[in-house]
Amino acid sequence: EQIRSKNQLGKLGWFVGQMMRMGEKGRVEAPKADGILRELILG
């Protein structure tokens, strides 16, 4: 909600890190993860 309402885009990087930790090691590509997050959070 903070990203959406306050445009705190810096926090997207934190979500990318979470996805890389949750996914299988070495398979999550940061640029693709960032793109999906922008699509889901910011449309």
PDB file of all heavy atoms in Angstrom:
ATOM      1  N   GLU A   1       0.822  -1.203   0.000  1.00  0.00           N
ATOM      2  CA  GLU A   1       0.000   0.000   0.000  1.00  0.00           C
ATOM      3  C   GLU A   1       0.861   1.261   0.000  1.00  0.00           C
ATOM      4  O   GLU A   1       0.519   2.260  -0.641  1.00  0.00           O
ATOM      5  CB  GLU A   1      -0.929  -0.010   1.217  1.00  0.00           C
ATOM      6  CG  GLU A   1      -1.894   1.170   1.279  1.00  0.00           C
ATOM      7  CD  GLU A   1      -2.778   1.275   0.024  1.00  0.00           C
ATOM      8  OE1 GLU A   1      -3.105   0.228  -0.579  1.00  0.00           O
ATOM      9  OE2 GLU A   1      -3.106   2.410  -0.350  1.00  0.00           O
ATOM     10  N   GLN A   2       1.996   1.226   0.730  1.00  0.00           N
ATOM     11  CA  GLN A   2       2.893   2.387   0.755  1.00  0.00           C
ATOM     12  C   GLN A   2       3.474   2.653  -0.633  1.00  0.00           C
ATOM     13  O   GLN A   2       3.631   3.812  -1.043  1.00  0.00           O
ATOM     14  CB  GLN A   2       4.030   2.140   1.755  1.00  0.00           C
ATOM     15  CG  GLN A   2       3.571   2.184   3.210  1.00  0.00           C
ATOM     16  CD  GLN A   2       4.664   1.729   4.159  1.00  0.00           C
ATOM     17  OE1 GLN A   2       5.662   1.149   3.750  1.00  0.00           O
ATOM     18  NE2 GLN A   2       4.472   1.981   5.446  1.00  0.00           N
ATOM     19  N   ILE A   3       3.785   1.590  -1.356  1.00  0.00           N
ATOM     20  CA  ILE A   3       4.315   1.759  -2.716  1.00  0.00           C
ATOM     21  C   ILE A   3       3.251   2.387  -3.608  1.00  0.00           C
ATOM     22  O   ILE A   3       3.525   3.289  -4.402  1.00  0.00           O
ATOM     23  CB  ILE A   3       4.794   0.408  -3.281  1.00  0.00           C
ATOM     24  CG1 ILE A   3       5.990  -0.117  -2.473  1.00  0.00           C
ATOM     25  CG2 ILE A   3       5.187   0.542  -4.750  1.00  0.00           C
ATOM     26  CD1 ILE A   3       6.432  -1.515  -2.846  1.00  0.00           C
ATOM     27  N   ARG A   4       2.005   1.904  -3.468  1.00  0.00           N
ATOM     28  CA  ARG A   4       0.930   2.395  -4.331  1.00  0.00           C
ATOM     29  C   ARG A   4       0.523   3.825  -3.989  1.00  0.00           C
ATOM     30  O   ARG A   4       0.399   4.678  -4.873  1.00  0.00           O
ATOM     31  CB  ARG A   4      -0.285   1.470  -4.198  1.00  0.00           C
ATOM     32  CG  ARG A   4      -0.137   0.141  -4.932  1.00  0.00           C
ATOM     33  CD  ARG A   4      -1.310  -0.765  -4.650  1.00  0.00           C
ATOM     34  NE  ARG A   4      -1.251  -1.993  -5.435  1.00  0.00           N
ATOM     35  CZ  ARG A   4      -1.885  -3.120  -5.107  1.00  0.00           C
ATOM     36  NH1 ARG A   4      -2.632  -3.162  -4.002  1.00  0.00           N
ATOM     37  NH2 ARG A   4      -1.765  -4.176  -5.878  1.00  0.00           N
ATOM     38  N   SER A   5       0.342   4.103  -2.701  1.00  0.00           N
ATOM     39  CA  SER A   5      -0.218   5.397  -2.318  1.00  0.00           C
ATOM     40  C   SER A   5       0.829   6.488  -2.189  1.00  0.00           C
ATOM     41  O   SER A   5       0.562   7.659  -2.459  1.00  0.00           O
ATOM     42  CB  SER A   5      -0.983   5.262  -0.992  1.00  0.00           C
ATOM     43  OG  SER A   5      -0.103   4.844   0.047  1.00  0.00           O
ATOM     44  N   LYS A   6       2.029   6.123  -1.778  1.00  0.00           N
ATOM     45  CA  LYS A   6       3.077   7.122  -1.539  1.00  0.00           C
ATOM     46  C   LYS A   6       4.197   7.072  -2.584  1.00  0.00           C
ATOM     47  O   LYS A   6       5.175   7.796  -2.469  1.00  0.00           O
ATOM     48  CB  LYS A   6       3.669   6.935  -0.142  1.00  0.00           C
ATOM     49  CG  LYS A   6       2.648   7.106   0.979  1.00  0.00           C
ATOM     50  CD  LYS A   6       3.305   6.945   2.335  1.00  0.00           C
ATOM     51  CE  LYS A   6       2.274   7.099   3.463  1.00  0.00           C
ATOM     52  NZ  LYS A   6       2.899   6.935   4.794  1.00  0.00           N
ATOM     53  N   ASN A   7       4.028   6.215  -3.561  1.00  0.00           N
ATOM     54  CA  ASN A   7       4.998   6.106  -4.657  1.00  0.00           C
ATOM     55  C   ASN A   7       6.414   5.811  -4.138  1.00  0.00           C
ATOM     56  O   ASN A   7       7.412   6.315  -4.671  1.00  0.00           O
ATOM     57  CB  ASN A   7       5.009   7.391  -5.496  1.00  0.00           C
ATOM     58  CG  ASN A   7       5.591   7.157  -6.886  1.00  0.00           C
ATOM     59  OD1 ASN A   7       5.418   6.073  -7.451  1.00  0.00           O
ATOM     60  ND2 ASN A   7       6.260   8.146  -7.432  1.00  0.00           N
ATOM     61  N   GLN A   8       6.522   4.982  -3.099  1.00  0.00           N
ATOM     62  CA  GLN A   8       7.814   4.623  -2.511  1.00  0.00           C
ATOM     63  C   GLN A   8       8.415   3.461  -3.295  1.00  0.00           C
ATOM     64  O   GLN A   8       8.455   2.307  -2.841  1.00  0.00           O
ATOM     65  CB  GLN A   8       7.650   4.284  -1.029  1.00  0.00           C
ATOM     66  CG  GLN A   8       7.177   5.460  -0.198  1.00  0.00           C
ATOM     67  CD  GLN A   8       7.032   5.111   1.280  1.00  0.00           C
ATOM     68  OE1 GLN A   8       7.153   3.953   1.676  1.00  0.00           O
ATOM     69  NE2 GLN A   8       6.766   6.120   2.093  1.00  0.00           N
ATOM     70  N   LEU A   9       8.900   3.781  -4.490  1.00  0.00           N
ATOM     71  CA  LEU A   9       9.364   2.744  -5.413  1.00  0.00           C
ATOM     72  C   LEU A   9      10.630   2.040  -4.928  1.00  0.00           C
ATOM     73  O   LEU A   9      10.921   0.924  -5.376  1.00  0.00           O
ATOM     74  CB  LEU A   9       9.615   3.362  -6.794  1.00  0.00           C
ATOM     75  CG  LEU A   9       8.398   4.048  -7.452  1.00  0.00           C
ATOM     76  CD1 LEU A   9       8.776   4.549  -8.837  1.00  0.00           C
ATOM     77  CD2 LEU A   9       7.216   3.083  -7.534  1.00  0.00           C
ATOM     78  N   GLY A  10      11.349   2.674  -4.042  1.00  0.00           N
ATOM     79  CA  GLY A  10      12.559   2.036  -3.529  1.00  0.00           C
ATOM     80  C   GLY A  10      12.282   0.719  -2.821  1.00  0.00           C
ATOM     81  O   GLY A  10      13.162  -0.146  -2.753  1.00  0.00           O
ATOM     82  N   LYS A  11      11.064   0.570  -2.327  1.00  0.00           N
ATOM     83  CA  LYS A  11      10.717  -0.655  -1.601  1.00  0.00           C
ATOM     84  C   LYS A  11      10.478  -1.837  -2.533  1.00  0.00           C
ATOM     85  O   LYS A  11      10.348  -2.966  -2.075  1.00  0.00           O
ATOM     86  CB  LYS A  11       9.496  -0.409  -0.723  1.00  0.00           C
ATOM     87  CG  LYS A  11       9.796   0.577   0.401  1.00  0.00           C
ATOM     88  CD  LYS A  11       8.626   0.798   1.334  1.00  0.00           C
ATOM     89  CE  LYS A  11       9.025   1.739   2.470  1.00  0.00           C
ATOM     90  NZ  LYS A  11       7.912   2.037   3.386  1.00  0.00           N
ATOM     91  N   LEU A  12      10.394  -1.572  -3.840  1.00  0.00           N
ATOM     92  CA  LEU A  12      10.271  -2.683  -4.784  1.00  0.00           C
ATOM     93  C   LEU A  12      11.501  -3.592  -4.710  1.00  0.00           C
ATOM     94  O   LEU A  12      11.390  -4.812  -4.875  1.00  0.00           O
ATOM     95  CB  LEU A  12      10.117  -2.140  -6.212  1.00  0.00           C
ATOM     96  CG  LEU A  12       8.741  -1.546  -6.568  1.00  0.00           C
ATOM     97  CD1 LEU A  12       8.823  -0.844  -7.915  1.00  0.00           C
ATOM     98  CD2 LEU A  12       7.667  -2.631  -6.588  1.00  0.00           C
ATOM     99  N   GLY A  13      12.661  -2.982  -4.473  1.00  0.00           N
ATOM    100  CA  GLY A  13      13.882  -3.768  -4.362  1.00  0.00           C
ATOM    101  C   GLY A  13      13.820  -4.753  -3.217  1.00  0.00           C
ATOM    102  O   GLY A  13      14.372  -5.867  -3.308  1.00  0.00           O
ATOM    103  N   TRP A  14      13.167  -4.352  -2.134  1.00  0.00           N
ATOM    104  CA  TRP A  14      13.033  -5.269  -0.996  1.00  0.00           C
ATOM    105  C   TRP A  14      12.203  -6.478  -1.395  1.00  0.00           C
ATOM    106  O   TRP A  14      12.534  -7.617  -1.046  1.00  0.00           O
ATOM    107  CB  TRP A  14      12.371  -4.523   0.170  1.00  0.00           C
ATOM    108  CG  TRP A  14      12.293  -5.363   1.420  1.00  0.00           C
ATOM    109  CD1 TRP A  14      13.249  -5.505   2.376  1.00  0.00           C
ATOM    110  CD2 TRP A  14      11.180  -6.177   1.840  1.00  0.00           C
ATOM    111  NE1 TRP A  14      12.819  -6.349   3.368  1.00  0.00           N
ATOM    112  CE2 TRP A  14      11.542  -6.775   3.067  1.00  0.00           C
ATOM    113  CE3 TRP A  14       9.931  -6.438   1.299  1.00  0.00           C
ATOM    114  CZ2 TRP A  14      10.691  -7.640   3.746  1.00  0.00           C
ATOM    115  CZ3 TRP A  14       9.080  -7.299   1.982  1.00  0.00           C
ATOM    116  CH2 TRP A  14       9.454  -7.903   3.200  1.00  0.00           C
ATOM    117  N   PHE A  15      11.125  -6.252  -2.147  1.00  0.00           N
ATOM    118  CA  PHE A  15      10.290  -7.365  -2.610  1.00  0.00           C
ATOM    119  C   PHE A  15      11.063  -8.262  -3.583  1.00  0.00           C
ATOM    120  O   PHE A  15      10.894  -9.488  -3.564  1.00  0.00           O
ATOM    121  CB  PHE A  15       9.018  -6.841  -3.282  1.00  0.00           C
ATOM    122  CG  PHE A  15       7.929  -6.500  -2.313  1.00  0.00           C
ATOM    123  CD1 PHE A  15       7.543  -5.181  -2.105  1.00  0.00           C
ATOM    124  CD2 PHE A  15       7.282  -7.486  -1.590  1.00  0.00           C
ATOM    125  CE1 PHE A  15       6.553  -4.859  -1.216  1.00  0.00           C
ATOM    126  CE2 PHE A  15       6.270  -7.170  -0.688  1.00  0.00           C
ATOM    127  CZ  PHE A  15       5.894  -5.853  -0.496  1.00  0.00           C
ATOM    128  N   VAL A  16      11.896  -7.673  -4.428  1.00  0.00           N
ATOM    129  CA  VAL A  16      12.719  -8.487  -5.332  1.00  0.00           C
ATOM    130  C   VAL A  16      13.608  -9.417  -4.517  1.00  0.00           C
ATOM    131  O   VAL A  16      13.744 -10.611  -4.824  1.00  0.00           O
ATOM    132  CB  VAL A  16      13.572  -7.585  -6.249  1.00  0.00           C
ATOM    133  CG1 VAL A  16      14.595  -8.413  -7.023  1.00  0.00           C
ATOM    134  CG2 VAL A  16      12.692  -6.817  -7.217  1.00  0.00           C
ATOM    135  N   GLY A  17      14.230  -8.877  -3.455  1.00  0.00           N
ATOM    136  CA  GLY A  17      15.072  -9.701  -2.586  1.00  0.00           C
ATOM    137  C   GLY A  17      14.287 -10.832  -1.938  1.00  0.00           C
ATOM    138  O   GLY A  17      14.783 -11.966  -1.826  1.00  0.00           O
ATOM    139  N   GLN A  18      13.047 -10.542  -1.525  1.00  0.00           N
ATOM    140  CA  GLN A  18      12.214 -11.580  -0.927  1.00  0.00           C
ATOM    141  C   GLN A  18      11.921 -12.694  -1.926  1.00  0.00           C
ATOM    142  O   GLN A  18      11.975 -13.880  -1.594  1.00  0.00           O
ATOM    143  CB  GLN A  18      10.898 -10.968  -0.431  1.00  0.00           C
ATOM    144  CG  GLN A  18      11.050 -10.064   0.776  1.00  0.00           C
ATOM    145  CD  GLN A  18      11.546 -10.825   1.993  1.00  0.00           C
ATOM    146  OE1 GLN A  18      12.711 -10.733   2.374  1.00  0.00           O
ATOM    147  NE2 GLN A  18      10.668 -11.606   2.586  1.00  0.00           N
ATOM    148  N   MET A  19      11.622 -12.314  -3.166  1.00  0.00           N
ATOM    149  CA  MET A  19      11.340 -13.318  -4.197  1.00  0.00           C
ATOM    150  C   MET A  19      12.569 -14.182  -4.477  1.00  0.00           C
ATOM    151  O   MET A  19      12.441 -15.401  -4.692  1.00  0.00           O
ATOM    152  CB  MET A  19      10.877 -12.623  -5.484  1.00  0.00           C
ATOM    153  CG  MET A  19       9.509 -11.972  -5.377  1.00  0.00           C
ATOM    154  SD  MET A  19       9.068 -11.029  -6.865  1.00  0.00           S
ATOM    155  CE  MET A  19       8.998 -12.342  -8.098  1.00  0.00           C
ATOM    156  N   MET A  20      13.739 -13.576  -4.478  1.00  0.00           N
ATOM    157  CA  MET A  20      14.965 -14.344  -4.729  1.00  0.00           C
ATOM    158  C   MET A  20      15.261 -15.300  -3.589  1.00  0.00           C
ATOM    159  O   MET A  20      15.780 -16.406  -3.805  1.00  0.00           O
ATOM    160  CB  MET A  20      16.137 -13.395  -4.955  1.00  0.00           C
ATOM    161  CG  MET A  20      15.984 -12.525  -6.199  1.00  0.00           C
ATOM    162  SD  MET A  20      17.379 -11.432  -6.530  1.00  0.00           S
ATOM    163  CE  MET A  20      18.540 -12.619  -7.205  1.00  0.00           C
ATOM    164  N   ARG A  21      14.893 -14.926  -2.359  1.00  0.00           N
ATOM    165  CA  ARG A  21      15.086 -15.830  -1.228  1.00  0.00           C
ATOM    166  C   ARG A  21      14.056 -16.953  -1.219  1.00  0.00           C
ATOM    167  O   ARG A  21      14.353 -18.081  -0.841  1.00  0.00           O
ATOM    168  CB  ARG A  21      15.036 -15.044   0.086  1.00  0.00           C
ATOM    169  CG  ARG A  21      16.325 -14.296   0.406  1.00  0.00           C
ATOM    170  CD  ARG A  21      16.291 -13.696   1.802  1.00  0.00           C
ATOM    171  NE  ARG A  21      15.436 -12.520   1.844  1.00  0.00           N
ATOM    172  CZ  ARG A  21      15.863 -11.288   1.569  1.00  0.00           C
ATOM    173  NH1 ARG A  21      17.112 -11.106   1.218  1.00  0.00           N
ATOM    174  NH2 ARG A  21      15.044 -10.270   1.637  1.00  0.00           N
ATOM    175  N   MET A  22      12.843 -16.629  -1.642  1.00  0.00           N
ATOM    176  CA  MET A  22      11.770 -17.624  -1.630  1.00  0.00           C
ATOM    177  C   MET A  22      11.899 -18.614  -2.790  1.00  0.00           C
ATOM    178  O   MET A  22      11.505 -19.775  -2.672  1.00  0.00           O
ATOM    179  CB  MET A  22      10.408 -16.920  -1.707  1.00  0.00           C
ATOM    180  CG  MET A  22      10.092 -16.093  -0.464  1.00  0.00           C
ATOM    181  SD  MET A  22       8.750 -14.902  -0.739  1.00  0.00           S
ATOM    182  CE  MET A  22       7.414 -15.990  -1.180  1.00  0.00           C
ATOM    183  N   GLY A  23      12.427 -18.151  -3.922  1.00  0.00           N
ATOM    184  CA  GLY A  23      12.524 -19.009  -5.099  1.00  0.00           C
ATOM    185  C   GLY A  23      13.710 -19.950  -5.023  1.00  0.00           C
ATOM    186  O   GLY A  23      14.570 -19.856  -4.148  1.00  0.00           O
ATOM    187  N   GLU A  24      13.767 -20.869  -5.979  1.00  0.00           N
ATOM    188  CA  GLU A  24      14.864 -21.816  -6.049  1.00  0.00           C
ATOM    189  C   GLU A  24      16.147 -21.061  -6.359  1.00  0.00           C
ATOM    190  O   GLU A  24      16.177 -20.188  -7.227  1.00  0.00           O
ATOM    191  CB  GLU A  24      14.589 -22.855  -7.137  1.00  0.00           C
ATOM    192  CG  GLU A  24      15.590 -23.995  -7.152  1.00  0.00           C
ATOM    193  CD  GLU A  24      15.225 -25.060  -8.170  1.00  0.00           C
ATOM    194  OE1 GLU A  24      14.056 -25.119  -8.580  1.00  0.00           O
ATOM    195  OE2 GLU A  24      16.129 -25.822  -8.558  1.00  0.00           O
ATOM    196  N   LYS A  25      17.226 -21.386  -5.632  1.00  0.00           N
ATOM    197  CA  LYS A  25      18.467 -20.643  -5.715  1.00  0.00           C
ATOM    198  C   LYS A  25      18.991 -20.596  -7.145  1.00  0.00           C
ATOM    199  O   LYS A  25      19.085 -21.613  -7.829  1.00  0.00           O
ATOM    200  CB  LYS A  25      19.519 -21.279  -4.810  1.00  0.00           C
ATOM    201  CG  LYS A  25      20.800 -20.460  -4.701  1.00  0.00           C
ATOM    202  CD  LYS A  25      21.754 -21.060  -3.682  1.00  0.00           C
ATOM    203  CE  LYS A  25      22.996 -20.195  -3.562  1.00  0.00           C
ATOM    204  NZ  LYS A  25      23.955 -20.742  -2.575  1.00  0.00           N
ATOM    205  N   GLY A  26      19.299 -19.393  -7.614  1.00  0.00           N
ATOM    206  CA  GLY A  26      19.887 -19.224  -8.928  1.00  0.00           C
ATOM    207  C   GLY A  26      18.903 -19.150 -10.068  1.00  0.00           C
ATOM    208  O   GLY A  26      19.307 -18.980 -11.222  1.00  0.00           O
ATOM    209  N   ARG A  27      17.597 -19.273  -9.790  1.00  0.00           N
ATOM    210  CA  ARG A  27      16.626 -19.285 -10.880  1.00  0.00           C
ATOM    211  C   ARG A  27      15.863 -17.969 -11.017  1.00  0.00           C
ATOM    212  O   ARG A  27      15.288 -17.698 -12.067  1.00  0.00           O
ATOM    213  CB  ARG A  27      15.623 -20.442 -10.691  1.00  0.00           C
ATOM    214  CG  ARG A  27      16.246 -21.823 -10.795  1.00  0.00           C
ATOM    215  CD  ARG A  27      15.179 -22.884 -10.827  1.00  0.00           C
ATOM    216  NE  ARG A  27      14.340 -22.781 -12.021  1.00  0.00           N
ATOM    217  CZ  ARG A  27      13.145 -23.380 -12.151  1.00  0.00           C
ATOM    218  NH1 ARG A  27      12.666 -24.114 -11.172  1.00  0.00           N
ATOM    219  NH2 ARG A  27      12.452 -23.228 -13.262  1.00  0.00           N
ATOM    220  N   VAL A  28      15.814 -17.160  -9.967  1.00  0.00           N
ATOM    221  CA  VAL A  28      15.049 -15.905 -10.001  1.00  0.00           C
ATOM    222  C   VAL A  28      15.944 -14.795 -10.547  1.00  0.00           C
ATOM    223  O   VAL A  28      16.994 -14.487  -9.982  1.00  0.00           O
ATOM    224  CB  VAL A  28      14.528 -15.524  -8.606  1.00  0.00           C
ATOM    225  CG1 VAL A  28      13.759 -14.216  -8.673  1.00  0.00           C
ATOM    226  CG2 VAL A  28      13.661 -16.638  -8.039  1.00  0.00           C
ATOM    227  N   GLU A  29      15.540 -14.200 -11.661  1.00  0.00           N
ATOM    228  CA  GLU A  29      16.279 -13.106 -12.273  1.00  0.00           C
ATOM    229  C   GLU A  29      15.686 -11.781 -11.783  1.00  0.00           C
ATOM    230  O   GLU A  29      14.484 -11.539 -11.940  1.00  0.00           O
ATOM    231  CB  GLU A  29      16.202 -13.196 -13.790  1.00  0.00           C
ATOM    232  CG  GLU A  29      16.796 -14.492 -14.336  1.00  0.00           C
ATOM    233  CD  GLU A  29      16.598 -14.610 -15.832  1.00  0.00           C
ATOM    234  OE1 GLU A  29      17.213 -13.804 -16.573  1.00  0.00           O
ATOM    235  OE2 GLU A  29      15.834 -15.491 -16.264  1.00  0.00           O
ATOM    236  N   ALA A  30      16.536 -10.941 -11.202  1.00  0.00           N
ATOM    237  CA  ALA A  30      16.067  -9.704 -10.585  1.00  0.00           C
ATOM    238  C   ALA A  30      15.279  -8.806 -11.543  1.00  0.00           C
ATOM    239  O   ALA A  30      14.212  -8.293 -11.165  1.00  0.00           O
ATOM    240  CB  ALA A  30      17.244  -8.944  -9.976  1.00  0.00           C
ATOM    241  N   PRO A  31      15.726  -8.566 -12.787  1.00  0.00           N
ATOM    242  CA  PRO A  31      14.943  -7.694 -13.684  1.00  0.00           C
ATOM    243  C   PRO A  31      13.539  -8.223 -13.952  1.00  0.00           C
ATOM    244  O   PRO A  31      12.572  -7.447 -14.001  1.00  0.00           O
ATOM    245  CB  PRO A  31      15.788  -7.655 -14.960  1.00  0.00           C
ATOM    246  CG  PRO A  31      17.174  -7.974 -14.516  1.00  0.00           C
ATOM    247  CD  PRO A  31      17.000  -8.962 -13.410  1.00  0.00           C
ATOM    248  N   LYS A  32      13.413  -9.538 -14.131  1.00  0.00           N
ATOM    249  CA  LYS A  32      12.095 -10.118 -14.390  1.00  0.00           C
ATOM    250  C   LYS A  32      11.216 -10.021 -13.150  1.00  0.00           C
ATOM    251  O   LYS A  32      10.014  -9.746 -13.241  1.00  0.00           O
ATOM    252  CB  LYS A  32      12.230 -11.566 -14.843  1.00  0.00           C
ATOM    253  CG  LYS A  32      12.838 -11.712 -16.233  1.00  0.00           C
ATOM    254  CD  LYS A  32      12.836 -13.167 -16.681  1.00  0.00           C
ATOM    255  CE  LYS A  32      13.406 -13.288 -18.097  1.00  0.00           C
ATOM    256  NZ  LYS A  32      13.418 -14.683 -18.570  1.00  0.00           N
ATOM    257  N   ALA A  33      11.813 -10.258 -11.975  1.00  0.00           N
ATOM    258  CA  ALA A  33      11.053 -10.149 -10.727  1.00  0.00           C
ATOM    259  C   ALA A  33      10.560  -8.719 -10.539  1.00  0.00           C
ATOM    260  O   ALA A  33       9.401  -8.484 -10.162  1.00  0.00           O
ATOM    261  CB  ALA A  33      11.928 -10.575  -9.545  1.00  0.00           C
ATOM    262  N   ASP A  34      11.408  -7.740 -10.820  1.00  0.00           N
ATOM    263  CA  ASP A  34      11.025  -6.329 -10.698  1.00  0.00           C
ATOM    264  C   ASP A  34       9.883  -5.997 -11.665  1.00  0.00           C
ATOM    265  O   ASP A  34       8.943  -5.284 -11.295  1.00  0.00           O
ATOM    266  CB  ASP A  34      12.236  -5.442 -10.989  1.00  0.00           C
ATOM    267  CG  ASP A  34      11.916  -3.967 -10.844  1.00  0.00           C
ATOM    268  OD1 ASP A  34      11.845  -3.479  -9.697  1.00  0.00           O
ATOM    269  OD2 ASP A  34      11.755  -3.301 -11.883  1.00  0.00           O
ATOM    270  N   GLY A  35       9.954  -6.521 -12.883  1.00  0.00           N
ATOM    271  CA  GLY A  35       8.902  -6.252 -13.868  1.00  0.00           C
ATOM    272  C   GLY A  35       7.555  -6.797 -13.434  1.00  0.00           C
ATOM    273  O   GLY A  35       6.518  -6.120 -13.584  1.00  0.00           O
ATOM    274  N   ILE A  36       7.539  -8.026 -12.906  1.00  0.00           N
ATOM    275  CA  ILE A  36       6.278  -8.624 -12.436  1.00  0.00           C
ATOM    276  C   ILE A  36       5.712  -7.823 -11.274  1.00  0.00           C
ATOM    277  O   ILE A  36       4.496  -7.578 -11.189  1.00  0.00           O
ATOM    278  CB  ILE A  36       6.506 -10.095 -12.041  1.00  0.00           C
ATOM    279  CG1 ILE A  36       6.823 -10.945 -13.281  1.00  0.00           C
ATOM    280  CG2 ILE A  36       5.315 -10.655 -11.291  1.00  0.00           C
ATOM    281  CD1 ILE A  36       5.679 -11.062 -14.268  1.00  0.00           C
ATOM    282  N   LEU A  37       6.565  -7.402 -10.340  1.00  0.00           N
ATOM    283  CA  LEU A  37       6.101  -6.611  -9.197  1.00  0.00           C
ATOM    284  C   LEU A  37       5.486  -5.290  -9.652  1.00  0.00           C
ATOM    285  O   LEU A  37       4.438  -4.865  -9.141  1.00  0.00           O
ATOM    286  CB  LEU A  37       7.266  -6.346  -8.245  1.00  0.00           C
ATOM    287  CG  LEU A  37       7.744  -7.539  -7.399  1.00  0.00           C
ATOM    288  CD1 LEU A  37       9.097  -7.253  -6.772  1.00  0.00           C
ATOM    289  CD2 LEU A  37       6.715  -7.864  -6.318  1.00  0.00           C
ATOM    290  N   ARG A  38       6.118  -4.613 -10.590  1.00  0.00           N
ATOM    291  CA  ARG A  38       5.566  -3.364 -11.101  1.00  0.00           C
ATOM    292  C   ARG A  38       4.215  -3.592 -11.762  1.00  0.00           C
ATOM    293  O   ARG A  38       3.302  -2.763 -11.653  1.00  0.00           O
ATOM    294  CB  ARG A  38       6.550  -2.729 -12.090  1.00  0.00           C
ATOM    295  CG  ARG A  38       7.794  -2.154 -11.430  1.00  0.00           C
ATOM    296  CD  ARG A  38       8.785  -1.611 -12.457  1.00  0.00           C
ATOM    297  NE  ARG A  38       9.962  -1.041 -11.810  1.00  0.00           N
ATOM    298  CZ  ARG A  38      10.056   0.206 -11.355  1.00  0.00           C
ATOM    299  NH1 ARG A  38       9.023   1.034 -11.500  1.00  0.00           N
ATOM    300  NH2 ARG A  38      11.153   0.632 -10.774  1.00  0.00           N
ATOM    301  N   GLU A  39       4.095  -4.709 -12.446  1.00  0.00           N
ATOM    302  CA  GLU A  39       2.822  -5.023 -13.105  1.00  0.00           C
ATOM    303  C   GLU A  39       1.717  -5.262 -12.081  1.00  0.00           C
ATOM    304  O   GLU A  39       0.595  -4.742 -12.215  1.00  0.00           O
ATOM    305  CB  GLU A  39       3.005  -6.259 -13.987  1.00  0.00           C
ATOM    306  CG  GLU A  39       1.744  -6.669 -14.747  1.00  0.00           C
ATOM    307  CD  GLU A  39       1.981  -7.875 -15.625  1.00  0.00           C
ATOM    308  OE1 GLU A  39       3.153  -8.163 -15.950  1.00  0.00           O
ATOM    309  OE2 GLU A  39       0.992  -8.536 -15.986  1.00  0.00           O
ATOM    310  N   LEU A  40       2.018  -6.022 -11.031  1.00  0.00           N
ATOM    311  CA  LEU A  40       0.996  -6.374 -10.041  1.00  0.00           C
ATOM    312  C   LEU A  40       0.674  -5.224  -9.091  1.00  0.00           C
ATOM    313  O   LEU A  40      -0.479  -5.040  -8.686  1.00  0.00           O
ATOM    314  CB  LEU A  40       1.457  -7.598  -9.241  1.00  0.00           C
ATOM    315  CG  LEU A  40       1.642  -8.902 -10.037  1.00  0.00           C
ATOM    316  CD1 LEU A  40       2.144 -10.014  -9.124  1.00  0.00           C
ATOM    317  CD2 LEU A  40       0.323  -9.326 -10.698  1.00  0.00           C
ATOM    318  N   ILE A  41       1.702  -4.444  -8.707  1.00  0.00           N
ATOM    319  CA  ILE A  41       1.488  -3.387  -7.709  1.00  0.00           C
ATOM    320  C   ILE A  41       1.080  -2.071  -8.360  1.00  0.00           C
ATOM    321  O   ILE A  41       0.164  -1.386  -7.903  1.00  0.00           O
ATOM    322  CB  ILE A  41       2.760  -3.187  -6.856  1.00  0.00           C
ATOM    323  CG1 ILE A  41       3.078  -4.467  -6.070  1.00  0.00           C
ATOM    324  CG2 ILE A  41       2.578  -2.016  -5.891  1.00  0.00           C
ATOM    325  CD1 ILE A  41       4.361  -4.406  -5.270  1.00  0.00           C
ATOM    326  N   LEU A  42       1.758  -1.721  -9.459  1.00  0.00           N
ATOM    327  CA  LEU A  42       1.542  -0.415 -10.075  1.00  0.00           C
ATOM    328  C   LEU A  42       0.711  -0.471 -11.349  1.00  0.00           C
ATOM    329  O   LEU A  42       0.370   0.576 -11.908  1.00  0.00           O
ATOM    330  CB  LEU A  42       2.892   0.238 -10.390  1.00  0.00           C
ATOM    331  CG  LEU A  42       3.831   0.428  -9.191  1.00  0.00           C
ATOM    332  CD1 LEU A  42       5.184   0.930  -9.650  1.00  0.00           C
ATOM    333  CD2 LEU A  42       3.227   1.380  -8.178  1.00  0.00           C
ATOM    334  N   GLY A  43       0.448  -1.669 -11.819  1.00  0.00           N
ATOM    335  CA  GLY A  43      -0.356  -1.802 -13.031  1.00  0.00           C
ATOM    336  C   GLY A  43       0.405  -1.479 -14.293  1.00  0.00           C
ATOM    337  O   GLY A  43      -0.201  -1.232 -15.345  1.00  0.00           O
TER     338      GLY A  43
END
